[in-house]
Amino acid sequence: MKQAMEIYFTKLLKEWKAFNGTLPMTEWTEETEQFIFEGEKDEEGYIAWKPLKKEVDSNFEDVEKELNVQLHPDIKACFNSYWFLELAGTYN
């Protein structure tokens, strides 16, 4: 999963750089882990962010218990591969 996410984020960063000359942008929120942001938010409240490889796996037991669901192992692997804020893309 980490390899697939690395390929995805490499493409995402390349597309954003070509489109806007920046890293991906998102609305700044206080609830977001601040280490993922790059630079300062702009006048409209947007800030650049950069995907970062995760070195420690998150435990999903509390989320599964609260939502009364069992997450698929691939979902856990995806969210344990990188710190990221958004996934986006186009098809065809």
PDB file of N, CA and C in Angstrom:
ATOM      1  N   MET A   1       0.831  -1.196   0.000  1.00  0.00           N
ATOM      2  CA  MET A   1       0.000   0.000   0.000  1.00  0.00           C
ATOM      3  C   MET A   1       0.869   1.251   0.000  1.00  0.00           C
ATOM      4  N   LYS A   2       1.972   1.240   0.796  1.00  0.00           N
ATOM      5  CA  LYS A   2       2.822   2.428   0.840  1.00  0.00           C
ATOM      6  C   LYS A   2       3.363   2.776  -0.541  1.00  0.00           C
ATOM      7  N   GLN A   3       3.717   1.756  -1.311  1.00  0.00           N
ATOM      8  CA  GLN A   3       4.253   2.000  -2.647  1.00  0.00           C
ATOM      9  C   GLN A   3       3.186   2.613  -3.560  1.00  0.00           C
ATOM     10  N   ALA A   4       1.957   2.095  -3.499  1.00  0.00           N
ATOM     11  CA  ALA A   4       0.875   2.647  -4.307  1.00  0.00           C
ATOM     12  C   ALA A   4       0.586   4.090  -3.914  1.00  0.00           C
ATOM     13  N   MET A   5       0.566   4.372  -2.626  1.00  0.00           N
ATOM     14  CA  MET A   5       0.315   5.745  -2.166  1.00  0.00           C
ATOM     15  C   MET A   5       1.467   6.664  -2.553  1.00  0.00           C
ATOM     16  N   GLU A   6       2.693   6.149  -2.523  1.00  0.00           N
ATOM     17  CA  GLU A   6       3.840   6.960  -2.935  1.00  0.00           C
ATOM     18  C   GLU A   6       3.720   7.348  -4.408  1.00  0.00           C
ATOM     19  N   ILE A   7       3.312   6.411  -5.247  1.00  0.00           N
ATOM     20  CA  ILE A   7       3.110   6.706  -6.668  1.00  0.00           C
ATOM     21  C   ILE A   7       2.017   7.760  -6.828  1.00  0.00           C
ATOM     22  N   TYR A   8       0.916   7.578  -6.122  1.00  0.00           N
ATOM     23  CA  TYR A   8      -0.185   8.541  -6.193  1.00  0.00           C
ATOM     24  C   TYR A   8       0.267   9.934  -5.779  1.00  0.00           C
ATOM     25  N   PHE A   9       0.929  10.042  -4.626  1.00  0.00           N
ATOM     26  CA  PHE A   9       1.320  11.364  -4.135  1.00  0.00           C
ATOM     27  C   PHE A   9       2.394  12.005  -5.011  1.00  0.00           C
ATOM     28  N   THR A  10       3.267  11.224  -5.611  1.00  0.00           N
ATOM     29  CA  THR A  10       4.250  11.769  -6.554  1.00  0.00           C
ATOM     30  C   THR A  10       3.522  12.426  -7.722  1.00  0.00           C
ATOM     31  N   LYS A  11       2.505  11.742  -8.250  1.00  0.00           N
ATOM     32  CA  LYS A  11       1.722  12.297  -9.357  1.00  0.00           C
ATOM     33  C   LYS A  11       0.931  13.523  -8.913  1.00  0.00           C
ATOM     34  N   LEU A  12       0.320  13.447  -7.725  1.00  0.00           N
ATOM     35  CA  LEU A  12      -0.453  14.579  -7.217  1.00  0.00           C
ATOM     36  C   LEU A  12       0.421  15.825  -7.070  1.00  0.00           C
ATOM     37  N   LEU A  13       1.595  15.665  -6.475  1.00  0.00           N
ATOM     38  CA  LEU A  13       2.493  16.806  -6.279  1.00  0.00           C
ATOM     39  C   LEU A  13       2.936  17.386  -7.616  1.00  0.00           C
ATOM     40  N   LYS A  14       3.205  16.520  -8.587  1.00  0.00           N
ATOM     41  CA  LYS A  14       3.607  16.978  -9.924  1.00  0.00           C
ATOM     42  C   LYS A  14       2.484  17.769 -10.597  1.00  0.00           C
ATOM     43  N   GLU A  15       1.253  17.265 -10.504  1.00  0.00           N
ATOM     44  CA  GLU A  15       0.106  17.945 -11.109  1.00  0.00           C
ATOM     45  C   GLU A  15      -0.152  19.306 -10.460  1.00  0.00           C
ATOM     46  N   TRP A  16      -0.090  19.364  -9.122  1.00  0.00           N
ATOM     47  CA  TRP A  16      -0.309  20.643  -8.433  1.00  0.00           C
ATOM     48  C   TRP A  16       0.769  21.652  -8.810  1.00  0.00           C
ATOM     49  N   LYS A  17       2.010  21.181  -8.899  1.00  0.00           N
ATOM     50  CA  LYS A  17       3.122  22.073  -9.251  1.00  0.00           C
ATOM     51  C   LYS A  17       2.892  22.644 -10.650  1.00  0.00           C
ATOM     52  N   ALA A  18       2.470  21.795 -11.590  1.00  0.00           N
ATOM     53  CA  ALA A  18       2.215  22.247 -12.956  1.00  0.00           C
ATOM     54  C   ALA A  18       0.996  23.169 -13.022  1.00  0.00           C
ATOM     55  N   PHE A  19      -0.026  22.880 -12.237  1.00  0.00           N
ATOM     56  CA  PHE A  19      -1.266  23.645 -12.249  1.00  0.00           C
ATOM     57  C   PHE A  19      -1.134  24.993 -11.557  1.00  0.00           C
ATOM     58  N   ASN A  20      -0.526  25.008 -10.370  1.00  0.00           N
ATOM     59  CA  ASN A  20      -0.562  26.197  -9.525  1.00  0.00           C
ATOM     60  C   ASN A  20       0.819  26.663  -9.070  1.00  0.00           C
ATOM     61  N   GLY A  21       1.843  25.857  -9.355  1.00  0.00           N
ATOM     62  CA  GLY A  21       3.183  26.223  -8.914  1.00  0.00           C
ATOM     63  C   GLY A  21       3.396  26.035  -7.426  1.00  0.00           C
ATOM     64  N   THR A  22       2.505  25.261  -6.776  1.00  0.00           N
ATOM     65  CA  THR A  22       2.587  25.080  -5.324  1.00  0.00           C
ATOM     66  C   THR A  22       2.385  23.612  -4.967  1.00  0.00           C
ATOM     67  N   LEU A  23       2.478  23.359  -3.691  1.00  0.00           N
ATOM     68  CA  LEU A  23       2.022  22.093  -3.138  1.00  0.00           C
ATOM     69  C   LEU A  23       0.496  22.123  -3.151  1.00  0.00           C
ATOM     70  N   PRO A  24      -0.166  20.978  -2.925  1.00  0.00           N
ATOM     71  CA  PRO A  24      -1.633  21.005  -2.828  1.00  0.00           C
ATOM     72  C   PRO A  24      -2.085  21.988  -1.748  1.00  0.00           C
ATOM     73  N   MET A  25      -3.218  22.602  -1.987  1.00  0.00           N
ATOM     74  CA  MET A  25      -3.767  23.584  -1.055  1.00  0.00           C
ATOM     75  C   MET A  25      -5.079  23.061  -0.478  1.00  0.00           C
ATOM     76  N   THR A  26      -5.332  23.425   0.779  1.00  0.00           N
ATOM     77  CA  THR A  26      -6.579  23.077   1.444  1.00  0.00           C
ATOM     78  C   THR A  26      -6.922  24.189   2.418  1.00  0.00           C
ATOM     79  N   GLU A  27      -8.158  24.219   2.864  1.00  0.00           N
ATOM     80  CA  GLU A  27      -8.531  25.205   3.873  1.00  0.00           C
ATOM     81  C   GLU A  27      -7.826  24.880   5.185  1.00  0.00           C
ATOM     82  N   TRP A  28      -7.259  25.889   5.823  1.00  0.00           N
ATOM     83  CA  TRP A  28      -6.592  25.705   7.109  1.00  0.00           C
ATOM     84  C   TRP A  28      -7.648  25.475   8.174  1.00  0.00           C
ATOM     85  N   THR A  29      -7.420  24.481   9.011  1.00  0.00           N
ATOM     86  CA  THR A  29      -8.291  24.245  10.158  1.00  0.00           C
ATOM     87  C   THR A  29      -7.430  23.992  11.382  1.00  0.00           C
ATOM     88  N   GLU A  30      -7.887  24.473  12.486  1.00  0.00           N
ATOM     89  CA  GLU A  30      -7.161  24.326  13.745  1.00  0.00           C
ATOM     90  C   GLU A  30      -7.094  22.868  14.188  1.00  0.00           C
ATOM     91  N   GLU A  31      -8.097  22.064  13.813  1.00  0.00           N
ATOM     92  CA  GLU A  31      -8.165  20.671  14.245  1.00  0.00           C
ATOM     93  C   GLU A  31      -7.143  19.769  13.540  1.00  0.00           C
ATOM     94  N   THR A  32      -6.613  20.238  12.424  1.00  0.00           N
ATOM     95  CA  THR A  32      -5.659  19.439  11.652  1.00  0.00           C
ATOM     96  C   THR A  32      -4.291  19.462  12.312  1.00  0.00           C
ATOM     97  N   GLU A  33      -3.608  18.305  12.276  1.00  0.00           N
ATOM     98  CA  GLU A  33      -2.236  18.233  12.775  1.00  0.00           C
ATOM     99  C   GLU A  33      -1.391  19.249  11.994  1.00  0.00           C
ATOM    100  N   GLN A  34      -0.796  20.181  12.692  1.00  0.00           N
ATOM    101  CA  GLN A  34      -0.124  21.308  12.055  1.00  0.00           C
ATOM    102  C   GLN A  34       1.164  20.924  11.321  1.00  0.00           C
ATOM    103  N   PHE A  35       1.766  19.791  11.662  1.00  0.00           N
ATOM    104  CA  PHE A  35       3.034  19.418  11.036  1.00  0.00           C
ATOM    105  C   PHE A  35       2.896  19.099   9.550  1.00  0.00           C
ATOM    106  N   ILE A  36       1.679  18.883   9.077  1.00  0.00           N
ATOM    107  CA  ILE A  36       1.494  18.549   7.669  1.00  0.00           C
ATOM    108  C   ILE A  36       1.455  19.798   6.782  1.00  0.00           C
ATOM    109  N   PHE A  37       1.214  20.955   7.386  1.00  0.00           N
ATOM    110  CA  PHE A  37       1.149  22.205   6.629  1.00  0.00           C
ATOM    111  C   PHE A  37       2.533  22.722   6.283  1.00  0.00           C
ATOM    112  N   GLU A  38       2.607  23.421   5.143  1.00  0.00           N
ATOM    113  CA  GLU A  38       3.840  24.058   4.689  1.00  0.00           C
ATOM    114  C   GLU A  38       3.566  25.545   4.515  1.00  0.00           C
ATOM    115  N   GLY A  39       4.344  26.378   5.150  1.00  0.00           N
ATOM    116  CA  GLY A  39       4.182  27.817   5.001  1.00  0.00           C
ATOM    117  C   GLY A  39       3.027  28.365   5.817  1.00  0.00           C
ATOM    118  N   GLU A  40       2.503  29.491   5.359  1.00  0.00           N
ATOM    119  CA  GLU A  40       1.426  30.200   6.057  1.00  0.00           C
ATOM    120  C   GLU A  40       0.162  30.179   5.209  1.00  0.00           C
ATOM    121  N   LYS A  41      -0.979  30.302   5.863  1.00  0.00           N
ATOM    122  CA  LYS A  41      -2.229  30.352   5.114  1.00  0.00           C
ATOM    123  C   LYS A  41      -2.312  31.668   4.353  1.00  0.00           C
ATOM    124  N   ASP A  42      -3.014  31.635   3.215  1.00  0.00           N
ATOM    125  CA  ASP A  42      -3.153  32.835   2.402  1.00  0.00           C
ATOM    126  C   ASP A  42      -4.334  33.678   2.890  1.00  0.00           C
ATOM    127  N   GLU A  43      -4.607  34.760   2.175  1.00  0.00           N
ATOM    128  CA  GLU A  43      -5.659  35.688   2.589  1.00  0.00           C
ATOM    129  C   GLU A  43      -7.055  35.074   2.536  1.00  0.00           C
ATOM    130  N   GLU A  44      -7.216  33.978   1.806  1.00  0.00           N
ATOM    131  CA  GLU A  44      -8.506  33.294   1.732  1.00  0.00           C
ATOM    132  C   GLU A  44      -8.609  32.127   2.706  1.00  0.00           C
ATOM    133  N   GLY A  45      -7.554  31.915   3.506  1.00  0.00           N
ATOM    134  CA  GLY A  45      -7.583  30.858   4.504  1.00  0.00           C
ATOM    135  C   GLY A  45      -7.096  29.504   4.015  1.00  0.00           C
ATOM    136  N   TYR A  46      -6.466  29.479   2.846  1.00  0.00           N
ATOM    137  CA  TYR A  46      -5.921  28.230   2.316  1.00  0.00           C
ATOM    138  C   TYR A  46      -4.436  28.133   2.633  1.00  0.00           C
ATOM    139  N   ILE A  47      -3.975  26.891   2.760  1.00  0.00           N
ATOM    140  CA  ILE A  47      -2.586  26.650   3.101  1.00  0.00           C
ATOM    141  C   ILE A  47      -2.097  25.412   2.350  1.00  0.00           C
ATOM    142  N   ALA A  48      -0.810  25.407   2.012  1.00  0.00           N
ATOM    143  CA  ALA A  48      -0.217  24.265   1.328  1.00  0.00           C
ATOM    144  C   ALA A  48       0.011  23.129   2.329  1.00  0.00           C
ATOM    145  N   TRP A  49      -0.063  21.910   1.848  1.00  0.00           N
ATOM    146  CA  TRP A  49       0.213  20.750   2.681  1.00  0.00           C
ATOM    147  C   TRP A  49       1.028  19.760   1.868  1.00  0.00           C
ATOM    148  N   LYS A  50       1.731  18.909   2.583  1.00  0.00           N
ATOM    149  CA  LYS A  50       2.584  17.933   1.922  1.00  0.00           C
ATOM    150  C   LYS A  50       2.369  16.562   2.564  1.00  0.00           C
ATOM    151  N   PRO A  51       2.102  15.522   1.730  1.00  0.00           N
ATOM    152  CA  PRO A  51       1.960  14.184   2.298  1.00  0.00           C
ATOM    153  C   PRO A  51       3.274  13.729   2.914  1.00  0.00           C
ATOM    154  N   LEU A  52       3.186  13.077   4.067  1.00  0.00           N
ATOM    155  CA  LEU A  52       4.379  12.612   4.779  1.00  0.00           C
ATOM    156  C   LEU A  52       4.221  11.132   5.109  1.00  0.00           C
ATOM    157  N   LYS A  53       5.272  10.353   4.874  1.00  0.00           N
ATOM    158  CA  LYS A  53       5.220   8.930   5.202  1.00  0.00           C
ATOM    159  C   LYS A  53       5.038   8.755   6.696  1.00  0.00           C
ATOM    160  N   LYS A  54       4.153   7.829   7.057  1.00  0.00           N
ATOM    161  CA  LYS A  54       3.924   7.519   8.470  1.00  0.00           C
ATOM    162  C   LYS A  54       4.932   6.473   8.915  1.00  0.00           C
ATOM    163  N   GLU A  55       5.470   6.664  10.075  1.00  0.00           N
ATOM    164  CA  GLU A  55       6.431   5.712  10.626  1.00  0.00           C
ATOM    165  C   GLU A  55       5.807   4.848  11.720  1.00  0.00           C
ATOM    166  N   VAL A  56       4.684   5.314  12.296  1.00  0.00           N
ATOM    167  CA  VAL A  56       4.000   4.586  13.366  1.00  0.00           C
ATOM    168  C   VAL A  56       2.552   4.376  12.938  1.00  0.00           C
ATOM    169  N   ASP A  57       2.085   3.138  13.056  1.00  0.00           N
ATOM    170  CA  ASP A  57       0.715   2.837  12.665  1.00  0.00           C
ATOM    171  C   ASP A  57      -0.290   3.363  13.684  1.00  0.00           C
ATOM    172  N   SER A  58      -1.406   3.838  13.157  1.00  0.00           N
ATOM    173  CA  SER A  58      -2.522   4.258  14.005  1.00  0.00           C
ATOM    174  C   SER A  58      -3.353   3.039  14.362  1.00  0.00           C
ATOM    175  N   ASN A  59      -3.981   3.091  15.524  1.00  0.00           N
ATOM    176  CA  ASN A  59      -4.856   2.030  15.974  1.00  0.00           C
ATOM    177  C   ASN A  59      -6.292   2.489  15.732  1.00  0.00           C
ATOM    178  N   PHE A  60      -7.074   1.670  15.065  1.00  0.00           N
ATOM    179  CA  PHE A  60      -8.428   2.058  14.678  1.00  0.00           C
ATOM    180  C   PHE A  60      -9.504   1.476  15.593  1.00  0.00           C
ATOM    181  N   GLU A  61      -9.109   0.855  16.693  1.00  0.00           N
ATOM    182  CA  GLU A  61     -10.078   0.205  17.577  1.00  0.00           C
ATOM    183  C   GLU A  61     -11.132   1.175  18.098  1.00  0.00           C
ATOM    184  N   ASP A  62     -10.717   2.370  18.527  1.00  0.00           N
ATOM    185  CA  ASP A  62     -11.682   3.340  19.061  1.00  0.00           C
ATOM    186  C   ASP A  62     -12.673   3.782  17.996  1.00  0.00           C
ATOM    187  N   VAL A  63     -12.189   4.024  16.783  1.00  0.00           N
ATOM    188  CA  VAL A  63     -13.067   4.441  15.687  1.00  0.00           C
ATOM    189  C   VAL A  63     -14.054   3.323  15.359  1.00  0.00           C
ATOM    190  N   GLU A  64     -13.542   2.110  15.250  1.00  0.00           N
ATOM    191  CA  GLU A  64     -14.409   0.971  14.932  1.00  0.00           C
ATOM    192  C   GLU A  64     -15.467   0.770  16.009  1.00  0.00           C
ATOM    193  N   LYS A  65     -15.065   0.920  17.256  1.00  0.00           N
ATOM    194  CA  LYS A  65     -16.000   0.745  18.368  1.00  0.00           C
ATOM    195  C   LYS A  65     -17.060   1.853  18.358  1.00  0.00           C
ATOM    196  N   GLU A  66     -16.621   3.095  18.190  1.00  0.00           N
ATOM    197  CA  GLU A  66     -17.556   4.224  18.201  1.00  0.00           C
ATOM    198  C   GLU A  66     -18.557   4.133  17.059  1.00  0.00           C
ATOM    199  N   LEU A  67     -18.099   3.721  15.881  1.00  0.00           N
ATOM    200  CA  LEU A  67     -18.980   3.634  14.712  1.00  0.00           C
ATOM    201  C   LEU A  67     -19.636   2.267  14.562  1.00  0.00           C
ATOM    202  N   ASN A  68     -19.236   1.333  15.421  1.00  0.00           N
ATOM    203  CA  ASN A  68     -19.762  -0.029  15.373  1.00  0.00           C
ATOM    204  C   ASN A  68     -19.564  -0.657  13.991  1.00  0.00           C
ATOM    205  N   VAL A  69     -18.331  -0.564  13.494  1.00  0.00           N
ATOM    206  CA  VAL A  69     -17.965  -1.134  12.193  1.00  0.00           C
ATOM    207  C   VAL A  69     -16.613  -1.826  12.311  1.00  0.00           C
ATOM    208  N   GLN A  70     -16.342  -2.674  11.354  1.00  0.00           N
ATOM    209  CA  GLN A  70     -15.021  -3.283  11.229  1.00  0.00           C
ATOM    210  C   GLN A  70     -14.426  -2.769   9.923  1.00  0.00           C
ATOM    211  N   LEU A  71     -13.371  -1.952  10.004  1.00  0.00           N
ATOM    212  CA  LEU A  71     -12.751  -1.402   8.807  1.00  0.00           C
ATOM    213  C   LEU A  71     -11.977  -2.484   8.064  1.00  0.00           C
ATOM    214  N   HIS A  72     -12.033  -2.431   6.755  1.00  0.00           N
ATOM    215  CA  HIS A  72     -11.301  -3.379   5.918  1.00  0.00           C
ATOM    216  C   HIS A  72      -9.794  -3.138   6.122  1.00  0.00           C
ATOM    217  N   PRO A  73      -9.004  -4.195   6.134  1.00  0.00           N
ATOM    218  CA  PRO A  73      -7.552  -4.039   6.321  1.00  0.00           C
ATOM    219  C   PRO A  73      -6.893  -3.092   5.301  1.00  0.00           C
ATOM    220  N   ASP A  74      -7.427  -3.031   4.076  1.00  0.00           N
ATOM    221  CA  ASP A  74      -6.866  -2.119   3.070  1.00  0.00           C
ATOM    222  C   ASP A  74      -7.085  -0.657   3.448  1.00  0.00           C
ATOM    223  N   ILE A  75      -8.206  -0.354   4.076  1.00  0.00           N
ATOM    224  CA  ILE A  75      -8.461   1.015   4.530  1.00  0.00           C
ATOM    225  C   ILE A  75      -7.460   1.386   5.617  1.00  0.00           C
ATOM    226  N   LYS A  76      -7.244   0.474   6.547  1.00  0.00           N
ATOM    227  CA  LYS A  76      -6.261   0.720   7.604  1.00  0.00           C
ATOM    228  C   LYS A  76      -4.865   0.884   7.017  1.00  0.00           C
ATOM    229  N   ALA A  77      -4.512   0.053   6.038  1.00  0.00           N
ATOM    230  CA  ALA A  77      -3.190   0.148   5.400  1.00  0.00           C
ATOM    231  C   ALA A  77      -3.032   1.492   4.682  1.00  0.00           C
ATOM    232  N   CYS A  78      -4.097   1.945   4.036  1.00  0.00           N
ATOM    233  CA  CYS A  78      -4.054   3.244   3.345  1.00  0.00           C
ATOM    234  C   CYS A  78      -3.777   4.366   4.330  1.00  0.00           C
ATOM    235  N   PHE A  79      -4.526   4.405   5.416  1.00  0.00           N
ATOM    236  CA  PHE A  79      -4.373   5.483   6.386  1.00  0.00           C
ATOM    237  C   PHE A  79      -3.129   5.332   7.252  1.00  0.00           C
ATOM    238  N   ASN A  80      -2.486   4.170   7.220  1.00  0.00           N
ATOM    239  CA  ASN A  80      -1.237   3.988   7.948  1.00  0.00           C
ATOM    240  C   ASN A  80      -0.009   4.160   7.062  1.00  0.00           C
ATOM    241  N   SER A  81      -0.203   4.495   5.796  1.00  0.00           N
ATOM    242  CA  SER A  81       0.927   4.660   4.892  1.00  0.00           C
ATOM    243  C   SER A  81       1.479   6.087   4.902  1.00  0.00           C
ATOM    244  N   TYR A  82       0.595   7.066   4.913  1.00  0.00           N
ATOM    245  CA  TYR A  82       0.988   8.478   4.839  1.00  0.00           C
ATOM    246  C   TYR A  82       0.082   9.317   5.724  1.00  0.00           C
ATOM    247  N   TRP A  83       0.617  10.458   6.148  1.00  0.00           N
ATOM    248  CA  TRP A  83      -0.211  11.541   6.674  1.00  0.00           C
ATOM    249  C   TRP A  83      -0.621  12.343   5.449  1.00  0.00           C
ATOM    250  N   PHE A  84      -1.912  12.580   5.260  1.00  0.00           N
ATOM    251  CA  PHE A  84      -2.378  13.357   4.112  1.00  0.00           C
ATOM    252  C   PHE A  84      -3.705  14.003   4.461  1.00  0.00           C
ATOM    253  N   LEU A  85      -4.092  14.986   3.653  1.00  0.00           N
ATOM    254  CA  LEU A  85      -5.347  15.683   3.930  1.00  0.00           C
ATOM    255  C   LEU A  85      -6.431  15.372   2.921  1.00  0.00           C
ATOM    256  N   GLU A  86      -6.079  15.202   1.669  1.00  0.00           N
ATOM    257  CA  GLU A  86      -7.104  14.971   0.657  1.00  0.00           C
ATOM    258  C   GLU A  86      -6.577  14.012  -0.404  1.00  0.00           C
ATOM    259  N   LEU A  87      -7.495  13.221  -0.932  1.00  0.00           N
ATOM    260  CA  LEU A  87      -7.221  12.413  -2.106  1.00  0.00           C
ATOM    261  C   LEU A  87      -8.094  12.982  -3.204  1.00  0.00           C
ATOM    262  N   ALA A  88      -7.522  13.183  -4.371  1.00  0.00           N
ATOM    263  CA  ALA A  88      -8.280  13.751  -5.484  1.00  0.00           C
ATOM    264  C   ALA A  88      -7.747  13.164  -6.774  1.00  0.00           C
ATOM    265  N   GLY A  89      -8.556  13.253  -7.801  1.00  0.00           N
ATOM    266  CA  GLY A  89      -8.099  12.764  -9.092  1.00  0.00           C
ATOM    267  C   GLY A  89      -9.202  12.828 -10.110  1.00  0.00           C
ATOM    268  N   THR A  90      -8.865  12.434 -11.317  1.00  0.00           N
ATOM    269  CA  THR A  90      -9.848  12.392 -12.393  1.00  0.00           C
ATOM    270  C   THR A  90      -9.767  11.024 -13.052  1.00  0.00           C
ATOM    271  N   TYR A  91     -10.833  10.668 -13.711  1.00  0.00           N
ATOM    272  CA  TYR A  91     -10.905   9.415 -14.431  1.00  0.00           C
ATOM    273  C   TYR A  91     -11.264   9.716 -15.870  1.00  0.00           C
ATOM    274  N   ASN A  92     -10.440   9.218 -16.790  1.00  0.00           N
ATOM    275  CA  ASN A  92     -10.619   9.474 -18.233  1.00  0.00           C
ATOM    276  C   ASN A  92     -10.571  10.953 -18.515  1.00  0.00           C
TER     277      ASN A  92
END
